[in-house]
Amino acid sequence: MARQKAELSEYERKRQENIAKTQALLRNLEMEAAEAGLAPTAKSSASAKPKSKKPAPKKIKQVEVVPRRTSSRLKGIEADSETAKRKAEEEHEARKEADKAKRQRISGTFNFGDIVVGGKGWDQHGNFVSIVGPAVPYERTFTANDVKDTTDKELRALREKMNALELWEDYEPNEIKLTPERIYSMGFHPTTDKPLVFAGDKLGNLGICDCSQKVSEVKEEDDEDAEWQGPSITTLKPHTRTIHTFQFSPHDSNALYSASYDSTVRKLDLAKGVAVEVYAPADKNADAPLSGVEISKNDANMLYFSTLDGQFGMYDMRTPSEKAAGLEIFRLSEKKIGGFTLHPLHPHLVATASLDRTLKIWDLRKINGKGDWRLPALVGEHESKLSVSHAAWNSAGQVATASYDDTIKIHDLSNCARWKTSTSLTDAEMKPSVVIPHNNQTGRWVTILRAQWQLFPQDGVQRFCIGNMNRFVDIYTAKGHQLAQLGGEGITAVPAVAKFHPTQDWVAAGTASGKLCLWM
């Protein structure tokens, strides 16, 4: 053995020394780990089992919205120093600001040149039962035979007139991409010269289409070799989030007021080509999505709005935005107000529809109380079985609501002109005069159905339109008589957002894919 050790080479001797040093270092590290309580126990080591290999999950590419974290050590910043702490705080604030920026509204004025163009029921035992069938695409519930079998001459003539409306013959709905995303709001410009359709979508885009345009006119302007794209459409982006509703001012047909989930109301001046912010919460970081907007017929400067957290606001637009003197906000519901309207002839009367299942009528002439209890006078209230999506006045003093209990209810309040500020209606007086079974189960991907009146019908017959889950648009009178079920080829989705022209028998409807259906 001694002979073998003597014969070790210099290289081999060095190698053995290095091995001994390494083993000694490992023993020292194990002892230090044991003293610190970091060494694995024999039990845990013995019980450890090799895990079965699973295929690696598919990687999803994500968009980087904030700067990557960088190494403080490589930048020469000492750990636990004040500089390192300050750097960590700055990175945390940057991430918070980036997340907030996704939902941040944009203040200031937009110029067009700066904007990129581009029925359930309840049985006797209190059980919830269905009284309308499920959605069946293209299955009609009102046909030509219903018109033919009508014995009332006036009603039959009106049904024939409404059923004579046809889809825009120059274009099919799948050729009219009015907005990039799902349509939430729809309306006509008040002009009677030609149908000008406006629509607001989920991401704050506003689409505008001149529906007097003919195919021949567009093709002459386009290159013959270019791919056919349908009618010319202008797309503006006045908001950063959903445009829930908009209204043309009753005092100026060139002024369009839009309310958005970005908490602002903007006035779009079509003549000047600018969009001005006319209302926003005083707290720039406040998140108060708006669900409705109207301008008083009696005062062009009074703006009314509702929010998704149950508030109703009155704002005098002559007041500087940094002051709160011209603003009053009332909490009219503990839950979301889905929509409201002012009476067209008596704008001191407000109808609100809420997630708390109620329709409420308020009188703005009498406001009493203090703090959270300062409220307009509550005239009357009606409770449905499920949430009420929208409440719409007509000029005759009737209110139409659509509810998730699969009904459309019409409340006849036509004697409202004689109401005093102390009026309080009984449950019997608030009871609907007409209840129409109607499938309102839109689900997650279809915009909520709302009954929308024709504001000033030329023949004096009050009527409203509402989307149909079978891919039609239904038209009813204030007495509950169905006049028509508008449809046609090329409608591949539910035309959920439907609206009459204020005076003309034109009906526009929008789908979840941003497509326009137009009957004239």
Protein backbone atom coordinates (compact mmCIF):
# COMPACT_ATOMS: atom_id res chain seq x y z
CA MET A 1 0.00 0.00 0.00
CA ALA A 2 2.85 2.37 0.90
CA ARG A 3 4.47 1.54 -2.41
CA GLN A 4 1.27 2.55 -4.27
CA LYS A 5 1.05 5.92 -2.41
CA ALA A 6 4.68 6.63 -3.20
CA GLU A 7 4.02 6.05 -6.86
CA LEU A 8 1.19 8.65 -7.10
CA SER A 9 1.91 11.31 -9.64
CA GLU A 10 1.90 15.00 -8.87
CA TYR A 11 -1.35 15.44 -10.85
CA GLU A 12 -3.08 12.61 -8.96
CA ARG A 13 -1.98 14.03 -5.62
CA LYS A 14 -3.44 17.43 -6.49
CA ARG A 15 -6.70 15.80 -7.58
CA GLN A 16 -7.07 13.95 -4.29
CA GLU A 17 -6.43 17.14 -2.35
CA ASN A 18 -9.12 18.98 -4.31
CA ILE A 19 -11.61 16.17 -3.62
CA ALA A 20 -10.85 16.31 0.10
CA LYS A 21 -11.30 20.09 0.17
CA THR A 22 -14.61 19.83 -1.67
CA GLN A 23 -15.93 17.18 0.72
CA ALA A 24 -14.92 19.25 3.71
CA LEU A 25 -16.70 22.30 2.25
CA LEU A 26 -19.90 20.29 1.71
CA ARG A 27 -19.81 19.02 5.32
CA ASN A 28 -19.47 22.60 6.58
CA LEU A 29 -22.44 23.72 4.46
CA GLU A 30 -24.60 20.87 5.75
CA MET A 31 -23.74 21.76 9.34
CA GLU A 32 -24.63 25.42 8.74
CA ALA A 33 -27.93 24.47 7.08
CA ALA A 34 -28.82 22.19 10.00
CA GLU A 35 -28.15 24.96 12.50
CA ALA A 36 -30.41 27.30 10.50
CA GLY A 37 -33.20 24.67 10.33
CA LEU A 38 -33.00 24.41 6.54
CA ALA A 39 -31.71 20.88 6.18
CA PRO A 40 -34.22 18.26 4.92
CA THR A 41 -35.21 15.63 7.49
CA ALA A 42 -34.69 11.95 6.86
CA LYS A 43 -38.45 11.36 6.95
CA SER A 44 -39.20 13.98 4.32
CA SER A 45 -36.34 12.78 2.13
CA ALA A 46 -37.47 9.20 2.33
CA SER A 47 -41.12 10.02 1.65
CA ALA A 48 -40.32 12.13 -1.40
CA LYS A 49 -41.49 10.39 -4.55
CA PRO A 50 -40.58 11.24 -8.09
CA LYS A 51 -43.43 13.11 -9.78
CA SER A 52 -44.85 11.81 -13.00
CA LYS A 53 -43.97 13.93 -15.96
CA LYS A 54 -46.86 15.85 -17.52
CA PRO A 55 -46.85 17.58 -20.86
CA ALA A 56 -45.93 21.21 -20.50
CA PRO A 57 -48.97 23.51 -20.76
CA LYS A 58 -49.34 25.45 -23.94
CA LYS A 59 -47.81 28.87 -23.57
CA ILE A 60 -50.13 31.82 -24.11
CA LYS A 61 -48.58 34.91 -25.52
CA GLN A 62 -49.37 37.92 -23.34
CA VAL A 63 -49.03 41.57 -24.19
CA GLU A 64 -46.55 43.35 -21.96
CA VAL A 65 -48.28 46.40 -20.48
CA VAL A 66 -45.65 47.46 -17.93
CA PRO A 67 -41.86 47.63 -17.96
CA ARG A 68 -40.05 44.42 -16.96
CA ARG A 69 -38.47 44.33 -13.54
CA THR A 70 -34.77 45.00 -13.76
CA SER A 71 -31.90 43.78 -11.60
CA SER A 72 -30.84 46.19 -8.86
CA ARG A 73 -27.58 44.30 -8.43
CA LEU A 74 -26.61 44.86 -12.07
CA LYS A 75 -27.41 48.56 -11.66
CA GLY A 76 -25.16 48.74 -8.62
CA ILE A 77 -28.00 49.37 -6.14
CA GLU A 78 -27.27 47.95 -2.71
CA ALA A 79 -29.89 45.55 -1.32
CA ASP A 80 -32.16 46.88 1.47
CA SER A 81 -30.90 50.40 0.89
CA GLU A 82 -33.15 53.44 0.67
CA THR A 83 -32.49 53.58 -3.07
CA ALA A 84 -33.65 49.97 -3.52
CA LYS A 85 -36.81 50.58 -1.49
CA ARG A 86 -37.61 53.71 -3.48
CA LYS A 87 -37.08 51.79 -6.75
CA ALA A 88 -39.47 49.01 -5.60
CA GLU A 89 -42.13 51.57 -4.67
CA GLU A 90 -41.81 53.26 -8.06
CA GLU A 91 -42.22 49.93 -9.87
CA HIS A 92 -45.32 49.12 -7.80
CA GLU A 93 -46.88 52.52 -8.58
CA ALA A 94 -46.07 52.07 -12.28
CA ARG A 95 -47.95 48.76 -12.33
CA LYS A 96 -50.96 50.35 -10.60
CA GLU A 97 -51.00 53.27 -13.04
CA ALA A 98 -50.76 50.93 -16.05
CA ASP A 99 -53.73 48.93 -14.81
CA LYS A 100 -55.71 52.11 -14.16
CA ALA A 101 -54.87 53.42 -17.63
CA LYS A 102 -56.84 50.59 -19.20
CA ARG A 103 -60.03 51.97 -17.68
CA GLN A 104 -59.16 55.66 -17.58
CA ARG A 105 -61.47 58.06 -19.33
CA ILE A 106 -59.99 60.73 -21.59
CA SER A 107 -60.71 64.38 -20.86
CA GLY A 108 -60.62 67.34 -23.18
CA THR A 109 -62.02 67.95 -26.65
CA PHE A 110 -61.92 65.62 -29.66
CA ASN A 111 -61.69 66.93 -33.22
CA PHE A 112 -62.92 64.69 -36.01
CA GLY A 113 -59.55 65.12 -37.64
CA ASP A 114 -57.86 63.70 -34.55
CA ILE A 115 -60.13 60.63 -34.33
CA VAL A 116 -59.36 57.43 -36.20
CA VAL A 117 -62.02 56.76 -38.87
CA GLY A 118 -62.45 53.62 -39.76
CA GLY A 119 -92.00 35.34 -20.36
CA LYS A 120 -91.61 33.81 -17.21
CA GLY A 121 -94.46 33.60 -14.66
CA TRP A 122 -95.47 32.27 -11.26
CA ASP A 123 -97.92 29.43 -10.66
CA GLN A 124 -100.48 29.21 -7.85
CA HIS A 125 -97.86 27.64 -5.57
CA GLY A 126 -95.36 30.45 -6.11
CA ASN A 127 -93.10 28.45 -8.44
CA PHE A 128 -91.36 30.18 -11.32
CA VAL A 129 -92.65 28.75 -14.63
CA SER A 130 -92.13 29.61 -18.27
CA ILE A 131 -94.93 31.16 -20.30
CA VAL A 132 -92.83 31.83 -23.40
CA GLY A 133 -90.77 29.36 -25.34
CA PRO A 134 -86.99 29.36 -25.73
CA ALA A 135 -85.33 31.20 -28.60
CA VAL A 136 -85.65 29.38 -31.93
CA PRO A 137 -83.79 31.24 -34.72
CA TYR A 138 -86.07 32.32 -37.57
CA GLU A 139 -89.23 30.83 -36.03
CA ARG A 140 -92.00 33.42 -36.34
CA THR A 141 -94.53 34.05 -33.60
CA PHE A 142 -96.45 36.60 -35.72
CA THR A 143 -97.18 35.76 -39.35
CA ALA A 144 -99.01 37.01 -42.42
CA ASN A 145 -102.02 34.95 -41.32
CA ASP A 146 -102.28 37.05 -38.16
CA VAL A 147 -102.57 40.12 -40.35
CA LYS A 148 -105.03 38.45 -42.70
CA ASP A 149 -107.28 37.31 -39.83
CA THR A 150 -107.52 40.79 -38.26
CA THR A 151 -111.16 41.90 -38.20
CA ASP A 152 -110.61 45.47 -36.95
CA LYS A 153 -110.15 47.54 -40.11
CA GLU A 154 -107.93 50.22 -38.58
CA LEU A 155 -105.71 47.67 -36.85
CA ARG A 156 -105.47 45.60 -40.02
CA ALA A 157 -104.48 48.65 -42.08
CA LEU A 158 -101.79 49.52 -39.54
CA ARG A 159 -100.48 45.94 -39.51
CA GLU A 160 -100.31 45.88 -43.29
CA LYS A 161 -98.45 49.19 -43.25
CA MET A 162 -95.86 48.00 -40.70
CA ASN A 163 -95.42 44.61 -42.37
CA ALA A 164 -94.71 46.39 -45.66
CA LEU A 165 -91.39 47.64 -44.21
CA GLU A 166 -88.47 45.89 -45.91
CA LEU A 167 -84.78 45.51 -45.25
CA TRP A 168 -82.53 48.04 -46.96
CA GLU A 169 -82.60 46.57 -50.44
CA ASP A 170 -79.20 47.89 -51.47
CA TYR A 171 -77.26 46.02 -48.79
CA GLU A 172 -77.60 42.88 -46.72
CA PRO A 173 -77.04 43.18 -42.95
CA ASN A 174 -73.79 41.19 -43.12
CA GLU A 175 -72.40 43.91 -45.43
CA ILE A 176 -73.07 46.74 -42.97
CA LYS A 177 -70.44 46.64 -40.22
CA LEU A 178 -71.54 49.76 -38.37
CA THR A 179 -69.26 49.40 -35.31
CA PRO A 180 -66.17 47.27 -34.57
CA GLU A 181 -67.71 45.69 -31.44
CA ARG A 182 -71.11 44.78 -29.95
CA ILE A 183 -73.75 47.50 -30.35
CA TYR A 184 -75.21 48.84 -27.10
CA SER A 185 -77.05 51.94 -28.29
CA MET A 186 -78.78 52.90 -31.53
CA GLY A 187 -80.60 55.90 -32.96
CA PHE A 188 -81.59 57.98 -35.98
CA HIS A 189 -80.70 61.58 -36.62
CA PRO A 190 -84.02 63.53 -36.41
CA THR A 191 -83.78 64.70 -40.03
CA THR A 192 -86.46 63.38 -42.38
CA ASP A 193 -84.44 64.08 -45.54
CA LYS A 194 -82.63 60.75 -45.33
CA PRO A 195 -82.01 57.98 -42.77
CA LEU A 196 -78.80 58.70 -40.85
CA VAL A 197 -78.13 55.88 -38.36
CA PHE A 198 -75.84 56.20 -35.31
CA ALA A 199 -74.68 53.35 -33.05
CA GLY A 200 -72.47 53.12 -29.96
CA ASP A 201 -70.51 49.97 -29.15
CA LYS A 202 -68.79 48.17 -26.29
CA LEU A 203 -65.42 49.90 -26.64
CA GLY A 204 -66.61 53.49 -27.01
CA ASN A 205 -66.83 53.63 -30.81
CA LEU A 206 -69.60 55.59 -32.52
CA GLY A 207 -70.56 54.40 -36.00
CA ILE A 208 -72.41 56.66 -38.46
CA CYS A 209 -73.99 55.45 -41.71
CA ASP A 210 -75.81 57.43 -44.40
CA CYS A 211 -78.50 54.92 -45.34
CA SER A 212 -79.67 56.87 -48.38
CA GLN A 213 -76.58 55.65 -50.18
CA LYS A 214 -77.08 53.43 -53.25
CA VAL A 215 -74.87 50.56 -54.34
CA SER A 216 -74.28 52.22 -57.73
CA GLU A 217 -73.07 55.44 -56.08
CA VAL A 218 -70.52 53.62 -53.92
CA LYS A 219 -69.24 51.43 -56.74
CA GLU A 220 -68.64 54.47 -58.94
CA GLU A 221 -66.43 55.98 -56.23
CA ASP A 222 -64.53 52.75 -55.54
CA ASP A 223 -61.90 51.11 -57.67
CA GLU A 224 -63.54 48.44 -59.81
CA ASP A 225 -60.80 45.96 -58.87
CA ALA A 226 -61.10 46.64 -55.12
CA GLU A 227 -62.86 44.19 -52.83
CA TRP A 228 -66.51 45.13 -52.17
CA GLN A 229 -66.80 46.49 -48.61
CA GLY A 230 -70.43 47.66 -48.41
CA PRO A 231 -71.64 51.22 -47.68
CA SER A 232 -69.35 54.00 -46.51
CA ILE A 233 -69.33 54.22 -42.69
CA THR A 234 -67.64 56.77 -40.44
CA THR A 235 -66.34 55.49 -37.10
CA LEU A 236 -65.44 57.87 -34.27
CA LYS A 237 -64.16 57.04 -30.79
CA PRO A 238 -65.37 59.70 -28.32
CA HIS A 239 -65.22 57.33 -25.30
CA THR A 240 -62.83 54.73 -23.92
CA ARG A 241 -65.55 52.36 -22.71
CA THR A 242 -69.10 51.28 -23.61
CA ILE A 243 -71.46 53.93 -25.00
CA HIS A 244 -74.55 52.80 -23.13
CA THR A 245 -76.92 55.40 -24.52
CA PHE A 246 -77.06 58.66 -26.46
CA GLN A 247 -79.62 61.31 -27.33
CA PHE A 248 -79.91 64.09 -29.88
CA SER A 249 -80.67 67.35 -28.14
CA PRO A 250 -84.33 68.42 -28.54
CA HIS A 251 -82.99 71.97 -28.99
CA ASP A 252 -80.23 71.31 -31.54
CA SER A 253 -80.31 68.35 -33.93
CA ASN A 254 -76.56 68.71 -34.52
CA ALA A 255 -75.77 68.07 -30.84
CA LEU A 256 -75.50 64.43 -29.76
CA TYR A 257 -75.01 63.67 -26.05
CA SER A 258 -73.50 60.27 -25.23
CA ALA A 259 -73.16 58.56 -21.83
CA SER A 260 -70.47 55.96 -21.27
CA TYR A 261 -69.12 53.44 -18.80
CA ASP A 262 -66.01 55.67 -18.67
CA SER A 263 -68.13 57.91 -16.37
CA THR A 264 -68.41 60.83 -18.80
CA VAL A 265 -71.00 62.54 -20.95
CA ARG A 266 -69.76 64.05 -24.20
CA LYS A 267 -71.44 66.46 -26.58
CA LEU A 268 -70.66 65.68 -30.19
CA ASP A 269 -71.22 68.74 -32.39
CA LEU A 270 -71.83 67.41 -35.91
CA ALA A 271 -71.60 70.85 -37.49
CA LYS A 272 -68.25 71.82 -35.94
CA GLY A 273 -66.77 68.34 -35.88
CA VAL A 274 -65.78 68.28 -32.20
CA ALA A 275 -66.67 66.17 -29.17
CA VAL A 276 -66.57 68.09 -25.89
CA GLU A 277 -66.73 66.59 -22.40
CA VAL A 278 -69.72 68.18 -20.67
CA TYR A 279 -69.82 66.06 -17.53
CA ALA A 280 -67.37 63.94 -15.52
CA PRO A 281 -67.10 63.18 -11.79
CA ALA A 282 -65.08 65.73 -9.82
CA ASP A 283 -62.75 62.92 -8.73
CA LYS A 284 -60.81 62.02 -11.86
CA ASN A 285 -60.14 58.55 -10.46
CA ALA A 286 -63.82 57.86 -9.75
CA ASP A 287 -65.34 54.91 -11.57
CA ALA A 288 -69.06 55.69 -11.96
CA PRO A 289 -70.31 54.08 -15.21
CA LEU A 290 -73.31 55.89 -16.70
CA SER A 291 -76.43 54.06 -17.88
CA GLY A 292 -78.53 56.91 -19.24
CA VAL A 293 -78.53 60.52 -20.43
CA GLU A 294 -81.21 63.04 -21.41
CA ILE A 295 -81.53 66.77 -22.05
CA SER A 296 -84.57 68.56 -20.69
CA LYS A 297 -87.02 69.76 -23.32
CA ASN A 298 -87.67 72.85 -21.18
CA ASP A 299 -84.02 73.78 -20.61
CA ALA A 300 -81.20 73.16 -23.10
CA ASN A 301 -78.60 73.48 -20.33
CA MET A 302 -80.00 70.85 -17.96
CA LEU A 303 -78.37 67.43 -18.26
CA TYR A 304 -79.81 64.34 -16.55
CA PHE A 305 -77.99 61.04 -16.12
CA SER A 306 -78.16 57.74 -14.24
CA THR A 307 -75.42 55.39 -13.04
CA LEU A 308 -74.90 51.66 -12.65
CA ASP A 309 -74.72 52.07 -8.86
CA GLY A 310 -78.26 53.43 -8.51
CA GLN A 311 -77.70 57.18 -8.66
CA PHE A 312 -79.53 59.86 -10.64
CA GLY A 313 -77.92 63.19 -11.43
CA MET A 314 -79.00 66.67 -12.53
CA TYR A 315 -76.30 68.94 -13.90
CA ASP A 316 -76.42 72.52 -15.17
CA MET A 317 -73.88 72.57 -18.02
CA ARG A 318 -73.35 76.31 -17.60
CA THR A 319 -71.51 75.58 -14.35
CA PRO A 320 -67.69 75.31 -14.67
CA SER A 321 -66.65 71.66 -14.44
CA GLU A 322 -64.39 72.27 -11.45
CA LYS A 323 -67.35 73.52 -9.39
CA ALA A 324 -70.14 71.40 -7.92
CA ALA A 325 -72.73 74.15 -7.56
CA GLY A 326 -74.70 73.06 -10.62
CA LEU A 327 -74.71 69.36 -9.75
CA GLU A 328 -77.19 67.39 -7.67
CA ILE A 329 -76.99 63.62 -7.27
CA PHE A 330 -79.65 61.45 -5.64
CA ARG A 331 -79.49 57.78 -4.73
CA LEU A 332 -82.74 56.46 -6.14
CA SER A 333 -81.86 52.77 -5.86
CA GLU A 334 -79.53 50.52 -3.91
CA LYS A 335 -78.85 48.63 -7.14
CA LYS A 336 -78.14 49.38 -10.78
CA ILE A 337 -80.45 51.75 -12.67
CA GLY A 338 -80.61 50.10 -16.09
CA GLY A 339 -82.23 53.09 -17.74
CA PHE A 340 -84.48 56.11 -17.28
CA THR A 341 -86.46 58.58 -19.38
CA LEU A 342 -88.04 61.98 -18.92
CA HIS A 343 -91.65 62.46 -19.95
CA PRO A 344 -91.44 64.04 -23.47
CA LEU A 345 -94.07 66.69 -22.63
CA HIS A 346 -93.64 66.98 -18.85
CA PRO A 347 -89.89 66.54 -18.26
CA HIS A 348 -90.21 67.01 -14.49
CA LEU A 349 -91.49 63.39 -14.42
CA VAL A 350 -88.80 60.71 -14.46
CA ALA A 351 -89.28 56.95 -14.88
CA THR A 352 -86.45 54.71 -13.64
CA ALA A 353 -85.96 50.96 -14.07
CA SER A 354 -83.71 49.09 -11.70
CA LEU A 355 -82.05 45.81 -10.88
CA ASP A 356 -84.03 45.93 -7.63
CA ARG A 357 -87.03 44.81 -9.80
CA THR A 358 -88.89 48.14 -9.65
CA LEU A 359 -90.28 50.77 -11.94
CA LYS A 360 -90.45 54.10 -10.12
CA ILE A 361 -91.95 57.45 -11.12
CA TRP A 362 -90.34 60.58 -9.60
CA ASP A 363 -91.39 64.23 -9.61
CA LEU A 364 -88.46 66.67 -9.82
CA ARG A 365 -90.63 69.65 -8.87
CA LYS A 366 -90.46 68.68 -5.22
CA ILE A 367 -87.11 67.68 -3.72
CA ASN A 368 -86.90 67.29 0.06
CA GLY A 369 -84.62 65.86 2.71
CA LYS A 370 -80.97 66.12 3.64
CA GLY A 371 -77.85 64.18 2.81
CA ASP A 372 -78.52 60.72 1.42
CA TRP A 373 -82.22 61.23 2.13
CA ARG A 374 -82.52 64.27 -0.13
CA LEU A 375 -84.71 62.88 -2.91
CA PRO A 376 -87.30 63.89 -5.49
CA ALA A 377 -90.92 63.07 -4.63
CA LEU A 378 -91.71 59.40 -5.32
CA VAL A 379 -95.01 59.41 -7.23
CA GLY A 380 -95.50 55.68 -7.72
CA GLU A 381 -93.78 52.31 -7.75
CA HIS A 382 -94.40 48.90 -9.32
CA GLU A 383 -92.42 45.75 -8.54
CA SER A 384 -91.81 42.96 -11.05
CA LYS A 385 -90.81 39.38 -10.35
CA LEU A 386 -87.29 39.98 -11.74
CA SER A 387 -85.12 42.95 -12.68
CA VAL A 388 -86.51 45.70 -14.91
CA SER A 389 -84.16 46.57 -17.77
CA HIS A 390 -85.52 49.88 -19.01
CA ALA A 391 -88.42 52.30 -18.61
CA ALA A 392 -89.54 54.49 -21.51
CA TRP A 393 -92.17 57.26 -21.58
CA ASN A 394 -94.15 58.07 -24.70
CA SER A 395 -95.77 61.40 -25.49
CA ALA A 396 -99.19 60.09 -24.40
CA GLY A 397 -97.99 59.47 -20.84
CA GLN A 398 -97.55 55.69 -21.01
CA VAL A 399 -94.48 53.86 -19.73
CA ALA A 400 -93.18 50.65 -21.31
CA THR A 401 -90.79 48.37 -19.44
CA ALA A 402 -88.97 45.17 -20.38
CA SER A 403 -88.20 42.76 -17.58
CA TYR A 404 -86.31 39.51 -17.07
CA ASP A 405 -89.59 37.90 -15.99
CA ASP A 406 -90.16 37.65 -19.77
CA THR A 407 -92.79 40.36 -20.00
CA ILE A 408 -93.25 43.77 -21.52
CA LYS A 409 -95.49 45.90 -19.29
CA ILE A 410 -97.29 49.09 -20.28
CA HIS A 411 -98.36 51.44 -17.48
CA ASP A 412 -101.02 53.96 -18.46
CA LEU A 413 -100.22 57.20 -16.61
CA SER A 414 -101.85 59.45 -19.18
CA ASN A 415 -103.48 61.63 -16.50
CA CYS A 416 -100.02 62.77 -15.30
CA ALA A 417 -100.60 66.30 -16.66
CA ARG A 418 -103.03 66.88 -13.79
CA TRP A 419 -100.76 65.52 -11.06
CA LYS A 420 -99.73 67.77 -8.22
CA THR A 421 -96.38 67.51 -6.47
CA SER A 422 -98.10 65.81 -3.55
CA THR A 423 -99.54 63.06 -5.76
CA SER A 424 -98.88 59.52 -4.60
CA LEU A 425 -100.25 56.70 -6.76
CA THR A 426 -101.67 53.52 -5.26
CA ASP A 427 -100.55 50.02 -6.24
CA ALA A 428 -103.75 49.65 -8.27
CA GLU A 429 -103.01 52.87 -10.20
CA MET A 430 -99.44 51.71 -10.91
CA LYS A 431 -100.59 48.28 -12.05
CA PRO A 432 -99.79 47.74 -15.76
CA SER A 433 -102.70 48.11 -18.16
CA VAL A 434 -101.10 45.64 -20.58
CA VAL A 435 -98.72 42.70 -20.03
CA ILE A 436 -97.17 41.13 -23.14
CA PRO A 437 -95.33 37.79 -22.86
CA HIS A 438 -91.91 38.23 -24.50
CA ASN A 439 -88.64 36.27 -24.32
CA ASN A 440 -86.13 38.67 -22.74
CA GLN A 441 -83.47 36.09 -21.80
CA THR A 442 -80.56 37.66 -23.65
CA GLY A 443 -77.81 35.91 -21.69
CA ARG A 444 -74.24 37.13 -21.60
CA TRP A 445 -73.46 37.84 -25.24
CA VAL A 446 -76.59 39.69 -26.42
CA THR A 447 -77.34 43.28 -25.42
CA ILE A 448 -80.33 43.63 -23.07
CA LEU A 449 -83.65 44.10 -24.88
CA ARG A 450 -85.39 47.46 -24.38
CA ALA A 451 -88.79 48.68 -25.53
CA GLN A 452 -88.32 51.97 -27.43
CA TRP A 453 -91.25 54.15 -28.47
CA GLN A 454 -91.59 56.08 -31.68
CA LEU A 455 -91.58 59.51 -30.05
CA PHE A 456 -93.86 61.42 -32.42
CA PRO A 457 -95.77 59.03 -34.76
CA GLN A 458 -97.36 60.92 -37.64
CA ASP A 459 -100.60 58.94 -37.50
CA GLY A 460 -100.94 59.44 -33.74
CA VAL A 461 -100.84 55.70 -32.95
CA GLN A 462 -98.40 55.05 -30.10
CA ARG A 463 -96.09 52.13 -30.92
CA PHE A 464 -92.73 50.75 -29.87
CA CYS A 465 -90.15 48.28 -31.15
CA ILE A 466 -88.06 45.68 -29.31
CA GLY A 467 -85.58 43.02 -30.37
CA ASN A 468 -86.74 39.40 -30.64
CA MET A 469 -84.46 36.51 -29.62
CA ASN A 470 -85.60 34.59 -32.71
CA ARG A 471 -83.70 37.18 -34.81
CA PHE A 472 -86.53 39.57 -35.53
CA VAL A 473 -87.72 42.97 -34.33
CA ASP A 474 -91.24 43.12 -32.86
CA ILE A 475 -93.53 46.15 -33.11
CA TYR A 476 -96.45 46.65 -30.68
CA THR A 477 -99.05 49.34 -30.00
CA ALA A 478 -99.64 50.89 -26.58
CA LYS A 479 -102.68 48.59 -26.27
CA GLY A 480 -100.48 45.52 -26.65
CA HIS A 481 -101.46 44.65 -30.23
CA GLN A 482 -98.57 43.31 -32.27
CA LEU A 483 -98.23 45.14 -35.57
CA ALA A 484 -95.30 43.38 -37.21
CA GLN A 485 -92.35 41.05 -36.80
CA LEU A 486 -89.56 42.43 -38.98
CA GLY A 487 -86.98 40.04 -40.37
CA GLY A 488 -85.25 39.15 -43.60
CA GLU A 489 -82.43 37.23 -45.22
CA GLY A 490 -78.91 37.93 -44.09
CA ILE A 491 -79.77 38.49 -40.40
CA THR A 492 -77.39 36.04 -38.73
CA ALA A 493 -77.61 37.34 -35.14
CA VAL A 494 -80.20 38.79 -32.76
CA PRO A 495 -80.97 42.44 -33.70
CA ALA A 496 -81.16 43.23 -29.99
CA VAL A 497 -80.85 47.03 -30.00
CA ALA A 498 -83.83 48.38 -31.94
CA LYS A 499 -84.96 51.98 -32.40
CA PHE A 500 -87.63 53.88 -34.34
CA HIS A 501 -86.99 57.13 -36.15
CA PRO A 502 -88.78 59.85 -34.09
CA THR A 503 -91.34 60.56 -36.83
CA GLN A 504 -90.74 58.28 -39.83
CA ASP A 505 -91.60 54.58 -40.07
CA TRP A 506 -87.94 53.57 -40.20
CA VAL A 507 -86.55 50.96 -37.82
CA ALA A 508 -82.86 50.34 -37.19
CA ALA A 509 -81.44 47.47 -35.13
CA GLY A 510 -77.92 46.43 -34.15
CA THR A 511 -76.34 43.08 -33.33
CA ALA A 512 -73.54 41.78 -31.11
CA SER A 513 -71.23 41.69 -34.13
CA GLY A 514 -71.74 45.40 -34.85
CA LYS A 515 -73.96 44.80 -37.89
CA LEU A 516 -76.87 47.04 -38.88
CA CYS A 517 -80.37 45.89 -39.87
CA LEU A 518 -82.52 48.64 -41.39
CA TRP A 519 -86.18 48.51 -42.40
CA MET A 520 -87.76 51.31 -44.42
